[in-house]
């Protein structure tokens, strides 16, 4: 497969992580440009042999660029996707796709109408044990899924300067929801369908983070069943995803943050079998997600996260943000 010529937009913590992953070409993407408004980012771009500009327009005007990767603040995604589509570029967007359902619908529609691939930074789907859960559900090996329990928490943001966008309640609302919880709702929607309503508790218990540092959401789904999702910004790292069905259950615990994945511990049981515990070796799900994006651009396979799933997840996010403010059960529109 010919690598897809790509520009990385945003060279913060996560943008640099993605740049390192793509530098070897294993993701099927060939980075040719970088974009970041911070002048010091030019040095990082030069180290990787990338053309550099402070604004997105230069990258979108470059005929050598086939796709853009948006590792930018959440509030910028909608306008940047619209601009990229207008320039005929495929788009890989870090989560969340948008902060409103209307914004997500527009992004999906624009890419679809233009015949462009829209990828999403939901690398959790590409972790081997999570991919196994999705496949087991598809093959009905778990039976009727009744409940999901999930937690993805860390304290990485406690040392950030107050002006960092990740600590702005209007850009990253509802505690750790847009940082980590959005991955858990993505998996929940994939496994259980669209949500019906949600009730959220969001508090500031251990920090001065404006959007709160302790968030939990109880989600009910349109086709029945529920999920409990929590995302805290003031505890040491923990990541757990557990699915309970009538034929079996699986629990996955990450050994380390996906920034530097080192493997997983998987506990499971099926009807009539004992509980087993297995260790799964390291993998690089961020790279695997980028490779799936490249393969979709080259027409080798469909991108596995559908536009409908992206929209359903952002509809749930919008309701979670409302409920974090109201404390009430909020419908998912």
Protein backbone atom coordinates (compact mmCIF):
# COMPACT_ATOMS: atom_id res chain seq x y z
CA UNK A 1 0.00 0.00 0.00
CA UNK A 2 1.32 3.42 -0.95
CA UNK A 3 1.55 5.53 2.23
CA UNK A 4 -1.00 8.32 2.55
CA UNK A 5 0.72 11.72 2.56
CA UNK A 6 -0.45 13.39 5.75
CA UNK A 7 -0.20 16.58 7.78
CA UNK A 8 -0.32 16.49 11.58
CA UNK A 9 -2.21 19.48 13.02
CA UNK A 10 -1.27 20.12 16.65
CA UNK A 11 2.09 19.20 18.16
CA UNK A 12 1.14 19.04 21.80
CA UNK A 13 1.51 15.96 24.01
CA UNK A 14 -0.69 13.71 21.87
CA UNK A 15 0.30 15.13 18.49
CA UNK A 16 3.95 14.34 19.26
CA UNK A 17 3.03 10.82 20.35
CA UNK A 18 1.28 10.26 17.01
CA UNK A 19 4.18 11.77 15.09
CA UNK A 20 6.62 9.31 16.66
CA UNK A 21 4.31 6.40 15.79
CA UNK A 22 4.07 7.46 12.15
CA UNK A 23 7.77 8.17 11.67
CA UNK A 24 8.54 4.55 10.80
CA UNK A 25 5.82 4.25 8.15
CA UNK A 26 4.18 1.29 9.90
CA UNK A 27 0.86 3.15 10.14
CA UNK A 28 0.52 3.45 6.39
CA UNK A 29 0.86 7.22 6.62
CA UNK A 30 3.76 9.36 5.43
CA UNK A 31 3.96 12.59 7.42
CA UNK A 32 4.96 15.49 5.18
CA UNK A 33 3.77 18.56 7.11
CA UNK A 34 3.10 19.80 10.63
CA UNK A 35 0.93 22.66 11.85
CA UNK A 36 1.03 24.37 15.24
CA UNK A 37 0.67 28.00 16.34
CA UNK A 38 3.46 27.67 18.93
CA UNK A 39 6.80 28.85 17.46
CA UNK A 40 8.78 26.25 19.44
CA UNK A 41 6.91 23.49 17.58
CA UNK A 42 8.95 24.37 14.48
CA UNK A 43 12.03 22.74 16.03
CA UNK A 44 10.15 19.47 16.60
CA UNK A 45 8.88 19.54 13.01
CA UNK A 46 12.40 20.16 11.69
CA UNK A 47 13.74 17.21 13.69
CA UNK A 48 11.27 14.98 11.84
CA UNK A 49 11.89 16.52 8.42
CA UNK A 50 8.44 18.06 8.16
CA UNK A 51 7.41 21.24 6.40
CA UNK A 52 5.99 23.56 9.06
CA UNK A 53 3.38 26.30 9.24
CA UNK A 54 1.68 28.07 12.10
CA UNK A 55 -1.78 27.89 10.52
CA UNK A 56 -3.84 25.20 8.87
CA UNK A 57 -4.43 27.00 5.58
CA UNK A 58 -0.93 26.33 4.25
CA UNK A 59 -1.30 22.59 4.83
CA UNK A 60 -4.74 22.50 3.21
CA UNK A 61 -3.39 24.35 0.16
CA UNK A 62 -0.52 21.88 -0.24
CA UNK A 63 -1.31 19.45 -3.11
CA UNK A 64 1.10 16.93 -1.59
CA UNK A 65 -1.17 16.53 1.46
CA UNK A 66 -3.89 13.89 1.09
CA UNK A 67 -5.09 13.76 4.70
CA UNK A 68 -4.91 15.72 7.94
CA UNK A 69 -4.76 14.48 11.50
CA UNK A 70 -6.37 16.86 13.98
CA UNK A 71 -4.72 16.66 17.41
CA UNK A 72 -6.18 20.02 18.37
CA UNK A 73 -8.44 21.47 21.09
CA UNK A 74 -11.96 20.05 20.97
CA UNK A 75 -13.65 23.36 20.23
CA UNK A 76 -11.68 23.71 16.97
CA UNK A 77 -12.67 20.39 15.43
CA UNK A 78 -15.87 21.41 13.67
CA UNK A 79 -14.38 24.35 11.77
CA UNK A 80 -11.16 22.47 10.98
CA UNK A 81 -13.05 19.47 9.58
CA UNK A 82 -15.18 21.76 7.43
CA UNK A 83 -12.06 23.48 6.08
CA UNK A 84 -10.29 20.17 5.41
CA UNK A 85 -13.26 18.75 3.53
CA UNK A 86 -13.52 21.93 1.44
CA UNK A 87 -9.87 21.37 0.49
CA UNK A 88 -10.54 17.73 -0.43
CA UNK A 89 -8.52 16.20 2.42
CA UNK A 90 -9.37 13.05 4.36
CA UNK A 91 -9.68 13.71 8.11
CA UNK A 92 -8.57 11.82 11.19
CA UNK A 93 -9.90 13.65 14.25
CA UNK A 94 -8.87 13.13 17.83
CA UNK A 95 -11.76 12.64 20.22
CA UNK A 96 -14.29 14.04 20.69
CA UNK A 97 -15.43 14.61 17.13
CA UNK A 98 -17.52 17.57 18.28
CA UNK A 99 -19.11 18.90 21.44
CA UNK A 100 -22.68 18.73 20.09
CA UNK A 101 -24.69 16.17 18.15
CA UNK A 102 -25.36 18.77 15.46
CA UNK A 103 -21.63 19.31 15.05
CA UNK A 104 -21.00 15.57 14.76
CA UNK A 105 -23.79 15.17 12.21
CA UNK A 106 -22.33 17.97 10.10
CA UNK A 107 -18.81 16.48 10.18
CA UNK A 108 -20.06 13.03 9.16
CA UNK A 109 -22.29 14.46 6.43
CA UNK A 110 -19.59 16.68 4.94
CA UNK A 111 -17.07 13.82 4.70
CA UNK A 112 -19.65 11.42 3.33
CA UNK A 113 -20.91 13.78 0.65
CA UNK A 114 -17.34 14.54 -0.43
CA UNK A 115 -16.35 10.86 -0.54
CA UNK A 116 -13.68 11.40 2.12
CA UNK A 117 -12.73 9.09 4.99
CA UNK A 118 -13.40 10.34 8.52
CA UNK A 119 -11.28 8.58 11.14
CA UNK A 120 -11.64 8.93 14.91
CA UNK A 121 -9.09 8.72 17.70
CA UNK A 122 -10.87 5.93 19.54
CA UNK A 123 -7.85 3.65 19.83
CA UNK A 124 -9.46 1.66 22.64
CA UNK A 125 -11.34 -0.31 19.95
CA UNK A 126 -7.98 -1.49 18.61
CA UNK A 127 -6.63 -2.87 21.89
CA UNK A 128 -6.51 -6.66 21.32
CA UNK A 129 -8.70 -7.65 24.31
CA UNK A 130 -11.26 -4.92 23.55
CA UNK A 131 -11.34 -6.00 19.91
CA UNK A 132 -12.01 -9.52 21.21
CA UNK A 133 -14.98 -8.25 23.24
CA UNK A 134 -16.44 -6.55 20.17
CA UNK A 135 -15.99 -9.72 18.12
CA UNK A 136 -17.46 -11.91 20.88
CA UNK A 137 -20.52 -9.65 21.02
CA UNK A 138 -20.89 -9.73 17.23
CA UNK A 139 -20.80 -13.54 17.27
CA UNK A 140 -23.26 -13.70 20.22
CA UNK A 141 -20.72 -15.47 22.43
CA UNK A 142 -21.62 -13.16 25.34
CA UNK A 143 -25.38 -13.55 24.89
CA UNK A 144 -27.64 -10.60 25.69
CA UNK A 145 -25.41 -7.84 27.03
CA UNK A 146 -26.97 -6.54 30.23
CA UNK A 147 -24.49 -4.13 31.75
CA UNK A 148 -21.15 -2.40 31.27
CA UNK A 149 -18.89 -1.10 34.03
CA UNK A 150 -15.96 1.10 33.02
CA UNK A 151 -13.44 3.48 34.55
CA UNK A 152 -10.61 5.38 32.84
CA UNK A 153 -8.89 7.76 35.23
CA UNK A 154 -5.52 9.43 35.71
CA UNK A 155 -3.83 12.44 37.30
CA UNK A 156 -1.82 13.61 34.28
CA UNK A 157 -3.52 17.01 34.18
CA UNK A 158 -2.85 18.06 37.76
CA UNK A 159 0.49 19.59 36.79
CA UNK A 160 -0.78 21.51 33.77
CA UNK A 161 -0.69 25.33 33.85
CA UNK A 162 -4.08 26.90 34.49
CA UNK A 163 -4.20 28.39 30.98
CA UNK A 164 -3.96 24.98 29.26
CA UNK A 165 -7.05 24.33 27.13
CA UNK A 166 -7.53 20.92 28.72
CA UNK A 167 -8.44 22.75 31.93
CA UNK A 168 -11.09 24.96 30.34
CA UNK A 169 -14.61 23.96 31.31
CA UNK A 170 -16.03 25.21 28.00
CA UNK A 171 -13.55 23.15 25.94
CA UNK A 172 -13.30 20.03 28.12
CA UNK A 173 -16.53 19.87 30.14
CA UNK A 174 -17.76 17.32 32.69
CA UNK A 175 -14.64 16.28 34.58
CA UNK A 176 -12.60 13.71 32.65
CA UNK A 177 -15.36 13.01 30.14
CA UNK A 178 -13.72 14.42 27.00
CA UNK A 179 -10.25 13.27 28.05
CA UNK A 180 -11.00 9.65 28.86
CA UNK A 181 -14.69 8.93 29.43
CA UNK A 182 -15.50 9.51 25.75
CA UNK A 183 -13.59 6.31 24.92
CA UNK A 184 -15.78 4.33 27.32
CA UNK A 185 -19.03 5.73 25.94
CA UNK A 186 -17.79 4.95 22.42
CA UNK A 187 -17.34 1.30 23.38
CA UNK A 188 -20.67 1.26 25.20
CA UNK A 189 -22.51 2.61 22.17
CA UNK A 190 -20.72 0.10 19.94
CA UNK A 191 -21.85 -2.79 22.12
CA UNK A 192 -25.31 -1.61 23.26
CA UNK A 193 -26.54 0.86 20.65
CA UNK A 194 -27.81 4.39 21.13
CA UNK A 195 -28.35 5.70 24.64
CA UNK A 196 -31.78 6.71 25.97
CA UNK A 197 -30.87 8.87 28.96
CA UNK A 198 -28.11 9.55 31.48
CA UNK A 199 -27.62 10.84 35.00
CA UNK A 200 -24.25 12.29 35.98
CA UNK A 201 -22.49 13.21 39.20
CA UNK A 202 -19.65 15.66 38.59
CA UNK A 203 -17.75 17.21 41.51
CA UNK A 204 -14.50 18.91 42.33
CA UNK A 205 -13.17 16.95 45.29
CA UNK A 206 -9.38 16.99 45.07
CA UNK A 207 -8.20 19.82 42.80
CA UNK A 208 -9.02 23.22 41.35
CA UNK A 209 -9.79 21.85 37.87
CA UNK A 210 -12.68 24.07 36.66
CA UNK A 211 -14.70 21.32 34.99
CA UNK A 212 -14.50 19.08 38.08
CA UNK A 213 -12.17 16.18 38.80
CA UNK A 214 -14.59 13.36 39.67
CA UNK A 215 -17.28 12.31 37.19
CA UNK A 216 -19.54 9.29 36.98
CA UNK A 217 -22.40 8.62 34.59
CA UNK A 218 -25.21 6.08 34.71
CA UNK A 219 -26.43 5.48 31.16
CA UNK A 220 -29.56 3.66 30.03
CA UNK A 221 -29.85 2.44 26.44
CA UNK A 222 -32.73 2.59 23.99
CA UNK A 223 -32.77 -1.19 23.59
CA UNK A 224 -32.39 -1.86 27.33
CA UNK A 225 -29.39 -2.38 29.55
CA UNK A 226 -27.14 0.12 31.27
CA UNK A 227 -23.56 1.30 31.64
CA UNK A 228 -21.71 2.88 34.54
CA UNK A 229 -18.83 5.06 33.32
CA UNK A 230 -16.43 7.00 35.52
CA UNK A 231 -13.57 9.31 34.58
CA UNK A 232 -11.53 10.94 37.32
CA UNK A 233 -8.70 13.47 36.90
CA UNK A 234 -7.20 13.14 40.37
CA UNK A 235 -6.24 9.48 40.90
CA UNK A 236 -3.26 7.40 39.79
CA UNK A 237 -3.87 5.73 36.42
CA UNK A 238 -6.53 3.05 36.23
CA UNK A 239 -8.40 1.69 33.24
CA UNK A 240 -11.02 -1.03 33.49
CA UNK A 241 -13.70 -2.12 31.03
CA UNK A 242 -16.11 -4.93 31.93
CA UNK A 243 -19.02 -6.35 29.92
CA UNK A 244 -21.65 -8.65 31.44
CA UNK A 245 -23.84 -10.87 29.26
CA UNK A 246 -26.17 -13.81 29.75
CA UNK A 247 -23.60 -16.26 28.31
CA UNK A 248 -20.46 -14.76 29.78
CA UNK A 249 -18.53 -11.74 30.98
CA UNK A 250 -15.11 -10.23 30.29
CA UNK A 251 -13.14 -7.67 32.25
CA UNK A 252 -10.09 -5.90 30.76
CA UNK A 253 -7.58 -3.93 32.84
CA UNK A 254 -4.80 -1.91 31.20
CA UNK A 255 -1.37 -2.28 32.78
CA UNK A 256 -0.35 1.21 31.67
CA UNK A 257 -1.77 4.27 29.92
CA UNK A 258 -2.19 3.97 26.15
CA UNK A 259 0.54 6.60 25.80
CA UNK A 260 3.00 3.75 26.42
CA UNK A 261 0.95 0.52 26.40
CA UNK A 262 2.52 -2.52 28.04
CA UNK A 263 -0.31 -5.04 27.97
CA UNK A 264 -3.58 -6.00 29.61
CA UNK A 265 -4.98 -8.35 32.24
CA UNK A 266 -8.13 -10.12 31.05
CA UNK A 267 -10.49 -11.93 33.41
CA UNK A 268 -13.43 -13.86 31.99
CA UNK A 269 -16.01 -16.58 32.49
CA UNK A 270 -18.69 -18.24 30.41
CA UNK A 271 -21.70 -20.26 31.47
CA UNK A 272 -20.52 -23.51 33.03
CA UNK A 273 -16.81 -22.59 32.99
CA UNK A 274 -14.50 -21.37 35.75
CA UNK A 275 -13.13 -17.84 35.94
CA UNK A 276 -9.80 -17.49 34.13
CA UNK A 277 -7.16 -14.77 34.21
CA UNK A 278 -4.87 -14.11 31.22
CA UNK A 279 -2.14 -11.59 30.50
CA UNK A 280 -2.10 -10.12 27.00
CA UNK A 281 1.15 -8.67 25.68
CA UNK A 282 1.84 -5.14 24.54
CA UNK A 283 0.39 -3.72 21.32
CA UNK A 284 0.12 -0.24 19.82
CA UNK A 285 -3.58 0.51 19.27
CA UNK A 286 -3.01 4.16 18.30
CA UNK A 287 -0.86 3.04 15.35
CA UNK A 288 -3.35 0.32 14.43
CA UNK A 289 -6.18 2.87 14.32
CA UNK A 290 -4.12 5.12 12.04
CA UNK A 291 -3.37 2.14 9.80
CA UNK A 292 -7.10 1.37 9.52
CA UNK A 293 -7.63 5.01 8.47
CA UNK A 294 -4.94 4.70 5.78
CA UNK A 295 -6.37 1.41 4.52
CA UNK A 296 -9.81 2.99 4.21
CA UNK A 297 -8.36 5.88 2.18
CA UNK A 298 -6.66 3.41 -0.17
CA UNK A 299 -9.89 1.42 -0.50
CA UNK A 300 -8.49 -1.72 1.10
CA UNK A 301 -11.12 -1.94 3.87
CA UNK A 302 -13.98 0.05 5.36
CA UNK A 303 -13.07 2.18 8.35
CA UNK A 304 -14.46 0.24 11.33
CA UNK A 305 -16.01 3.16 13.26
CA UNK A 306 -19.18 4.20 11.45
CA UNK A 307 -20.52 7.71 11.15
CA UNK A 308 -23.70 6.63 12.94
CA UNK A 309 -21.66 5.41 15.92
CA UNK A 310 -19.71 8.68 16.00
CA UNK A 311 -22.93 10.70 16.07
CA UNK A 312 -24.55 8.50 18.74
CA UNK A 313 -21.51 8.90 20.97
CA UNK A 314 -21.53 12.70 20.69
CA UNK A 315 -25.28 12.80 21.31
CA UNK A 316 -24.54 10.94 24.56
CA UNK A 317 -21.66 13.31 25.37
CA UNK A 318 -23.96 16.30 24.93
CA UNK A 319 -26.48 14.79 27.36
CA UNK A 320 -23.70 13.97 29.85
CA UNK A 321 -22.56 17.60 29.82
CA UNK A 322 -26.13 18.77 30.43
CA UNK A 323 -26.58 16.32 33.28
CA UNK A 324 -23.23 17.29 34.84
CA UNK A 325 -24.69 20.77 35.20
CA UNK A 326 -28.22 19.87 36.21
CA UNK A 327 -27.68 16.69 38.22
CA UNK A 328 -30.89 15.40 36.66
CA UNK A 329 -31.65 12.53 34.34
CA UNK A 330 -31.19 14.00 30.87
CA UNK A 331 -32.58 12.46 27.67
CA UNK A 332 -30.22 11.67 24.80
CA UNK A 333 -31.66 13.38 21.74
